[in-house]
């Protein structure tokens, strides 16, 4: 999150491939960020952090106030920010190609799912994945491995599918009226001879929405406490996440720092984790060596969970074998 806007600015200044159609949106967003700097005399915002900027623009859209801009201009900034987010993700997340130009999942996610499949087979675990990420790394890895998954966008989840719950939306989610409709991966190939390719599904959805008003997207929700305007669309996903937390015997939190501004997860965990399941482990995986993340989680969980709390100071890839060993240990 901390360097997301730096990556976006690099794409803009270098005129990277894939940004040709949204350069005006990049300009609009960075102009708005420059204008937000004027509020520092009275308040503080981390304008280098995409979460803070997205939250500020979302609130400005709700209040209809951002400098001297009109309400329509503010809404336009928000739309541009969504485009900057999915364009930056598309251009910066490169998927490796096979010999025939077929897209492959990232090695880290491939290994992750191998470990989870092994733990399911040996220890009888069933898994659900709850994520705040907009990207498609885990989705595509499951698709490639032919693991049937369910975003739980409908009220009745699919009983034979692994829940993949994207609480903040996804760059492959379009809209059809009030419904969210995921775009299938289909057959995805790159250019034979190249090493990597991108998945421009957000861009494809946006182009379609310009010509076909039945479909719009992508659906991207800001990582802030107030998500009431998205309640109708995402209520089923959030309810499914609460249900999974209430039934969980093991909870692993990987790469999520529990920012102070996101009360949503605190409420979701507090209310959703109520249930009859006996929680055996609550494991947090994060490379933060300053112990700030650990303190936040310890302050959030109840006394009963503290006895089963474990902190692993490691990035995602380095933690995989440790997670696997924990899951195999009854």
Protein backbone atom coordinates (compact mmCIF):
# COMPACT_ATOMS: atom_id res chain seq x y z
CA UNK A 1 0.00 0.00 0.00
CA UNK A 2 2.77 2.42 0.94
CA UNK A 3 4.39 2.49 -2.52
CA UNK A 4 1.31 1.84 -4.67
CA UNK A 5 1.04 5.49 -5.74
CA UNK A 6 4.77 5.58 -6.52
CA UNK A 7 4.28 2.65 -8.89
CA UNK A 8 1.26 4.39 -10.43
CA UNK A 9 3.24 7.58 -10.97
CA UNK A 10 6.09 5.63 -12.57
CA UNK A 11 3.62 4.06 -15.01
CA UNK A 12 2.26 7.49 -15.87
CA UNK A 13 5.60 9.29 -16.30
CA UNK A 14 7.10 6.47 -18.40
CA UNK A 15 3.91 6.19 -20.52
CA UNK A 16 3.87 2.46 -19.86
CA UNK A 17 1.96 0.13 -22.15
CA UNK A 18 -1.60 -0.34 -20.95
CA UNK A 19 -2.00 3.23 -19.68
CA UNK A 20 -2.72 4.90 -23.03
CA UNK A 21 -6.49 5.10 -22.54
CA UNK A 22 -6.42 6.31 -18.93
CA UNK A 23 -3.74 9.00 -18.92
CA UNK A 24 -6.36 11.68 -18.26
CA UNK A 25 -7.49 9.67 -15.24
CA UNK A 26 -3.93 9.51 -13.88
CA UNK A 27 -3.62 13.28 -14.35
CA UNK A 28 -6.95 13.90 -12.61
CA UNK A 29 -6.00 11.75 -9.61
CA UNK A 30 -2.57 13.27 -9.08
CA UNK A 31 -4.02 16.77 -9.44
CA UNK A 32 -6.53 15.90 -6.70
CA UNK A 33 -3.76 14.56 -4.47
CA UNK A 34 -1.83 17.80 -4.96
CA UNK A 35 -4.95 19.71 -3.94
CA UNK A 36 -5.38 17.54 -0.84
CA UNK A 37 -1.95 18.68 0.32
CA UNK A 38 -3.55 22.00 1.15
CA UNK A 39 -5.43 20.49 4.09
CA UNK A 40 -2.24 19.69 6.01
CA UNK A 41 -2.45 22.97 7.90
CA UNK A 42 -5.51 21.66 9.77
CA UNK A 43 -5.37 17.89 9.48
CA UNK A 44 -3.06 15.03 8.52
CA UNK A 45 -3.48 12.56 5.71
CA UNK A 46 -0.84 10.18 4.41
CA UNK A 47 -1.05 11.20 0.77
CA UNK A 48 1.60 8.64 -0.15
CA UNK A 49 -0.70 5.79 0.93
CA UNK A 50 -3.38 4.66 -1.52
CA UNK A 51 -5.71 3.59 1.31
CA UNK A 52 -5.72 7.10 2.83
CA UNK A 53 -6.16 8.77 -0.55
CA UNK A 54 -9.00 6.43 -1.57
CA UNK A 55 -10.69 6.99 1.78
CA UNK A 56 -10.37 10.78 1.47
CA UNK A 57 -11.79 10.81 -2.07
CA UNK A 58 -14.64 8.49 -1.02
CA UNK A 59 -15.55 10.79 1.88
CA UNK A 60 -15.26 13.85 -0.38
CA UNK A 61 -17.66 12.15 -2.81
CA UNK A 62 -20.11 11.52 0.04
CA UNK A 63 -19.85 15.08 1.40
CA UNK A 64 -19.68 16.73 -2.02
CA UNK A 65 -16.70 18.77 -0.88
CA UNK A 66 -13.12 18.81 -2.16
CA UNK A 67 -11.70 22.29 -2.50
CA UNK A 68 -13.74 24.28 -5.00
CA UNK A 69 -14.66 21.27 -7.12
CA UNK A 70 -18.26 20.52 -8.00
CA UNK A 71 -20.00 17.32 -6.88
CA UNK A 72 -19.78 15.98 -10.44
CA UNK A 73 -16.06 16.74 -10.59
CA UNK A 74 -15.50 14.88 -7.32
CA UNK A 75 -17.39 11.85 -8.59
CA UNK A 76 -15.24 11.96 -11.70
CA UNK A 77 -12.11 11.91 -9.52
CA UNK A 78 -13.40 8.83 -7.73
CA UNK A 79 -14.04 7.07 -11.05
CA UNK A 80 -10.55 8.01 -12.20
CA UNK A 81 -9.03 6.69 -8.97
CA UNK A 82 -10.68 3.31 -9.54
CA UNK A 83 -9.19 3.25 -13.04
CA UNK A 84 -5.75 4.15 -11.69
CA UNK A 85 -6.01 1.32 -9.14
CA UNK A 86 -6.95 -1.44 -11.57
CA UNK A 87 -4.58 -0.17 -14.29
CA UNK A 88 -1.65 -0.10 -11.84
CA UNK A 89 -2.47 -3.62 -10.64
CA UNK A 90 -2.78 -4.91 -14.19
CA UNK A 91 0.48 -3.36 -15.34
CA UNK A 92 2.50 -4.33 -12.26
CA UNK A 93 1.25 -7.90 -11.67
CA UNK A 94 2.95 -10.05 -14.30
CA UNK A 95 1.88 -13.66 -14.82
CA UNK A 96 4.50 -16.11 -16.11
CA UNK A 97 3.89 -17.79 -19.47
CA UNK A 98 4.24 -21.43 -20.35
CA UNK A 99 5.98 -22.73 -23.48
CA UNK A 100 2.78 -22.34 -25.53
CA UNK A 101 2.11 -18.82 -24.27
CA UNK A 102 -0.47 -19.97 -21.71
CA UNK A 103 -0.73 -17.93 -18.51
CA UNK A 104 0.51 -19.59 -15.34
CA UNK A 105 -0.05 -18.59 -11.69
CA UNK A 106 2.68 -16.97 -9.65
CA UNK A 107 5.00 -19.52 -8.07
CA UNK A 108 4.19 -18.27 -4.55
CA UNK A 109 0.44 -18.80 -5.00
CA UNK A 110 1.04 -22.12 -6.71
CA UNK A 111 3.05 -23.31 -3.70
CA UNK A 112 0.46 -21.88 -1.31
CA UNK A 113 -2.35 -23.92 -2.87
CA UNK A 114 -0.15 -27.02 -2.97
CA UNK A 115 0.42 -26.73 0.77
CA UNK A 116 -3.28 -26.13 1.43
CA UNK A 117 -4.29 -29.13 -0.71
CA UNK A 118 -1.77 -31.29 1.12
CA UNK A 119 -3.04 -30.11 4.52
CA UNK A 120 -6.61 -30.84 3.45
CA UNK A 121 -5.67 -34.37 2.37
CA UNK A 122 -3.49 -35.26 5.38
CA UNK A 123 -5.25 -33.42 8.22
CA UNK A 124 -8.80 -33.17 6.87
CA UNK A 125 -8.87 -29.37 6.80
CA UNK A 126 -11.43 -27.42 4.81
CA UNK A 127 -10.53 -23.87 3.83
CA UNK A 128 -12.14 -20.55 3.11
CA UNK A 129 -10.19 -17.53 1.89
CA UNK A 130 -11.11 -14.01 2.98
CA UNK A 131 -9.18 -11.26 1.24
CA UNK A 132 -9.12 -7.48 0.94
CA UNK A 133 -7.09 -7.65 -2.27
CA UNK A 134 -8.50 -6.43 -5.59
CA UNK A 135 -6.00 -8.39 -7.69
CA UNK A 136 -6.47 -11.81 -9.30
CA UNK A 137 -3.41 -13.71 -8.10
CA UNK A 138 -5.26 -16.16 -5.85
CA UNK A 139 -8.32 -16.39 -8.11
CA UNK A 140 -6.25 -17.27 -11.14
CA UNK A 141 -4.12 -19.78 -9.21
CA UNK A 142 -7.28 -21.59 -8.10
CA UNK A 143 -8.68 -21.43 -11.65
CA UNK A 144 -5.44 -22.84 -13.07
CA UNK A 145 -5.36 -25.63 -10.48
CA UNK A 146 -9.05 -26.35 -11.25
CA UNK A 147 -10.13 -25.71 -7.68
CA UNK A 148 -13.81 -24.83 -7.78
CA UNK A 149 -14.34 -21.59 -5.86
CA UNK A 150 -17.30 -19.39 -5.02
CA UNK A 151 -17.21 -15.63 -4.50
CA UNK A 152 -20.48 -16.02 -2.52
CA UNK A 153 -22.08 -13.09 -4.31
CA UNK A 154 -25.41 -14.93 -4.28
CA UNK A 155 -27.39 -15.50 -1.10
CA UNK A 156 -27.01 -19.29 -1.25
CA UNK A 157 -23.33 -20.34 -1.43
CA UNK A 158 -22.29 -23.30 -3.56
CA UNK A 159 -21.79 -26.23 -1.19
CA UNK A 160 -19.20 -27.95 -3.40
CA UNK A 161 -16.93 -24.90 -3.83
CA UNK A 162 -14.23 -23.25 -1.73
CA UNK A 163 -15.34 -19.80 -0.52
CA UNK A 164 -13.18 -17.00 -1.95
CA UNK A 165 -14.50 -13.89 -0.25
CA UNK A 166 -13.20 -10.58 -1.62
CA UNK A 167 -14.57 -8.08 0.89
CA UNK A 168 -13.42 -4.99 -1.03
CA UNK A 169 -14.42 -6.15 -4.51
CA UNK A 170 -12.31 -7.31 -7.41
CA UNK A 171 -11.01 -6.02 -10.72
CA UNK A 172 -12.89 -8.79 -12.54
CA UNK A 173 -16.30 -7.97 -11.00
CA UNK A 174 -18.70 -6.11 -13.26
CA UNK A 175 -22.23 -4.93 -12.58
CA UNK A 176 -25.51 -5.90 -14.21
CA UNK A 177 -28.17 -3.72 -12.68
CA UNK A 178 -27.93 -4.19 -8.92
CA UNK A 179 -26.09 -7.52 -9.30
CA UNK A 180 -22.36 -8.12 -9.36
CA UNK A 181 -21.31 -10.46 -12.14
CA UNK A 182 -17.78 -11.93 -12.12
CA UNK A 183 -15.99 -12.08 -15.44
CA UNK A 184 -14.70 -15.63 -16.14
CA UNK A 185 -11.04 -16.11 -16.97
CA UNK A 186 -11.73 -18.24 -20.03
CA UNK A 187 -8.73 -19.17 -22.13
CA UNK A 188 -5.93 -16.69 -21.50
CA UNK A 189 -2.75 -16.67 -23.56
CA UNK A 190 0.12 -14.29 -24.02
CA UNK A 191 2.62 -13.94 -26.82
CA UNK A 192 4.75 -17.10 -27.29
CA UNK A 193 8.40 -16.37 -26.58
CA UNK A 194 7.68 -13.77 -23.92
CA UNK A 195 8.20 -14.55 -20.24
CA UNK A 196 5.27 -12.66 -18.75
CA UNK A 197 1.82 -11.29 -19.56
CA UNK A 198 -0.83 -9.28 -17.72
CA UNK A 199 -4.51 -9.91 -17.00
CA UNK A 200 -6.28 -6.70 -18.14
CA UNK A 201 -9.74 -7.76 -16.94
CA UNK A 202 -10.58 -4.45 -15.28
CA UNK A 203 -9.73 -2.61 -18.48
CA UNK A 204 -11.86 -5.05 -20.50
CA UNK A 205 -14.82 -4.54 -18.16
CA UNK A 206 -14.48 -0.77 -18.36
CA UNK A 207 -14.38 -0.79 -22.17
CA UNK A 208 -17.46 -2.97 -22.25
CA UNK A 209 -19.31 -0.66 -19.87
CA UNK A 210 -18.68 2.24 -22.25
CA UNK A 211 -20.56 0.44 -25.02
CA UNK A 212 -22.92 -1.82 -23.09
CA UNK A 213 -24.72 -0.18 -20.19
CA UNK A 214 -25.89 -3.56 -18.92
CA UNK A 215 -22.41 -4.26 -17.66
CA UNK A 216 -20.16 -1.96 -15.68
CA UNK A 217 -17.16 -2.27 -13.46
CA UNK A 218 -14.95 -3.15 -11.98
CA UNK A 219 -16.41 -3.12 -8.46
CA UNK A 220 -13.78 -1.71 -6.11
CA UNK A 221 -14.64 -0.70 -2.54
CA UNK A 222 -12.44 1.67 -0.49
CA UNK A 223 -10.64 0.19 2.54
CA UNK A 224 -12.38 2.53 4.99
CA UNK A 225 -14.79 1.98 7.86
CA UNK A 226 -17.88 3.26 6.06
CA UNK A 227 -19.09 0.84 3.39
CA UNK A 228 -22.84 1.41 3.72
CA UNK A 229 -23.28 2.45 0.09
CA UNK A 230 -22.06 -1.01 -0.99
CA UNK A 231 -24.16 -2.96 1.52
CA UNK A 232 -26.76 -4.15 -0.99
CA UNK A 233 -24.16 -5.40 -3.46
CA UNK A 234 -21.70 -7.03 -1.07
CA UNK A 235 -23.90 -8.05 1.87
CA UNK A 236 -23.83 -11.71 0.84
CA UNK A 237 -20.03 -11.74 0.69
CA UNK A 238 -19.70 -10.08 4.10
CA UNK A 239 -22.28 -12.43 5.63
CA UNK A 240 -20.43 -15.45 4.23
CA UNK A 241 -17.18 -14.13 5.73
CA UNK A 242 -18.82 -13.75 9.14
CA UNK A 243 -20.18 -17.30 8.88
CA UNK A 244 -16.76 -18.71 8.03
CA UNK A 245 -15.16 -16.88 10.96
CA UNK A 246 -17.80 -18.26 13.32
CA UNK A 247 -17.01 -21.83 12.22
CA UNK A 248 -13.22 -21.51 12.00
CA UNK A 249 -10.93 -23.62 14.14
CA UNK A 250 -7.79 -22.03 12.70
CA UNK A 251 -7.47 -18.44 11.52
CA UNK A 252 -4.41 -17.27 9.60
CA UNK A 253 -4.08 -13.56 8.83
CA UNK A 254 -1.44 -13.10 6.13
CA UNK A 255 -0.08 -9.71 5.11
CA UNK A 256 -2.90 -7.65 6.63
CA UNK A 257 -1.66 -4.97 9.03
CA UNK A 258 -5.02 -4.10 10.66
CA UNK A 259 -4.78 -0.35 9.92
CA UNK A 260 -6.30 1.96 12.50
CA UNK A 261 -8.68 3.41 9.89
CA UNK A 262 -10.32 0.08 9.06
CA UNK A 263 -12.87 -0.55 11.80
CA UNK A 264 -14.74 -2.78 9.32
CA UNK A 265 -12.51 -5.81 9.97
CA UNK A 266 -12.63 -5.27 13.74
CA UNK A 267 -16.43 -5.37 13.72
CA UNK A 268 -16.49 -8.25 11.24
CA UNK A 269 -14.18 -10.32 13.42
CA UNK A 270 -15.84 -9.39 16.72
CA UNK A 271 -19.37 -10.16 15.54
CA UNK A 272 -18.54 -12.85 13.00
CA UNK A 273 -16.32 -14.92 15.28
CA UNK A 274 -19.19 -15.50 17.72
CA UNK A 275 -20.07 -19.15 17.42
CA UNK A 276 -19.69 -22.59 18.89
CA UNK A 277 -16.44 -23.50 17.12
CA UNK A 278 -13.42 -23.99 19.36
CA UNK A 279 -10.67 -21.75 18.01
CA UNK A 280 -7.38 -23.61 18.18
CA UNK A 281 -5.06 -21.07 16.61
CA UNK A 282 -5.01 -17.41 15.61
CA UNK A 283 -1.86 -16.85 13.57
CA UNK A 284 -0.74 -13.51 12.12
CA UNK A 285 1.90 -13.48 9.37
CA UNK A 286 3.53 -10.10 8.72
CA UNK A 287 7.09 -8.93 8.05
CA UNK A 288 6.69 -5.88 10.35
CA UNK A 289 9.57 -6.06 12.83
CA UNK A 290 8.40 -3.03 14.81
CA UNK A 291 5.73 -5.10 16.58
CA UNK A 292 3.07 -2.49 15.77
CA UNK A 293 0.99 -5.04 13.87
CA UNK A 294 1.26 -7.60 16.66
CA UNK A 295 0.11 -5.04 19.24
CA UNK A 296 -2.92 -4.11 17.11
CA UNK A 297 -4.06 -7.73 16.84
CA UNK A 298 -3.42 -8.46 20.51
CA UNK A 299 -5.53 -5.44 21.42
CA UNK A 300 -8.33 -6.66 19.15
CA UNK A 301 -8.69 -10.32 20.15
CA UNK A 302 -10.28 -11.56 23.37
CA UNK A 303 -8.45 -13.08 26.31
CA UNK A 304 -9.33 -16.60 25.30
CA UNK A 305 -7.78 -16.10 21.88
CA UNK A 306 -4.60 -14.55 23.31
CA UNK A 307 -3.58 -17.94 24.67
CA UNK A 308 -3.74 -19.29 21.12
CA UNK A 309 -2.22 -16.27 19.39
CA UNK A 310 0.97 -16.68 17.38
CA UNK A 311 2.94 -14.07 15.43
CA UNK A 312 5.16 -15.03 12.51
CA UNK A 313 7.47 -12.24 11.39
CA UNK A 314 7.91 -13.15 7.74
CA UNK A 315 6.65 -12.20 4.27
CA UNK A 316 4.12 -14.39 2.48
CA UNK A 317 6.48 -16.73 0.61
CA UNK A 318 8.83 -17.28 3.55
CA UNK A 319 5.91 -18.21 5.81
CA UNK A 320 4.39 -20.96 3.65
CA UNK A 321 6.30 -23.95 5.05
CA UNK A 322 5.67 -22.76 8.62
CA UNK A 323 1.92 -22.44 7.94
CA UNK A 324 1.94 -25.91 6.38
CA UNK A 325 3.64 -27.45 9.43
CA UNK A 326 1.18 -25.75 11.79
CA UNK A 327 -1.78 -27.13 9.85
CA UNK A 328 -0.36 -30.65 9.89
CA UNK A 329 0.09 -30.47 13.67
CA UNK A 330 -3.19 -31.55 15.32
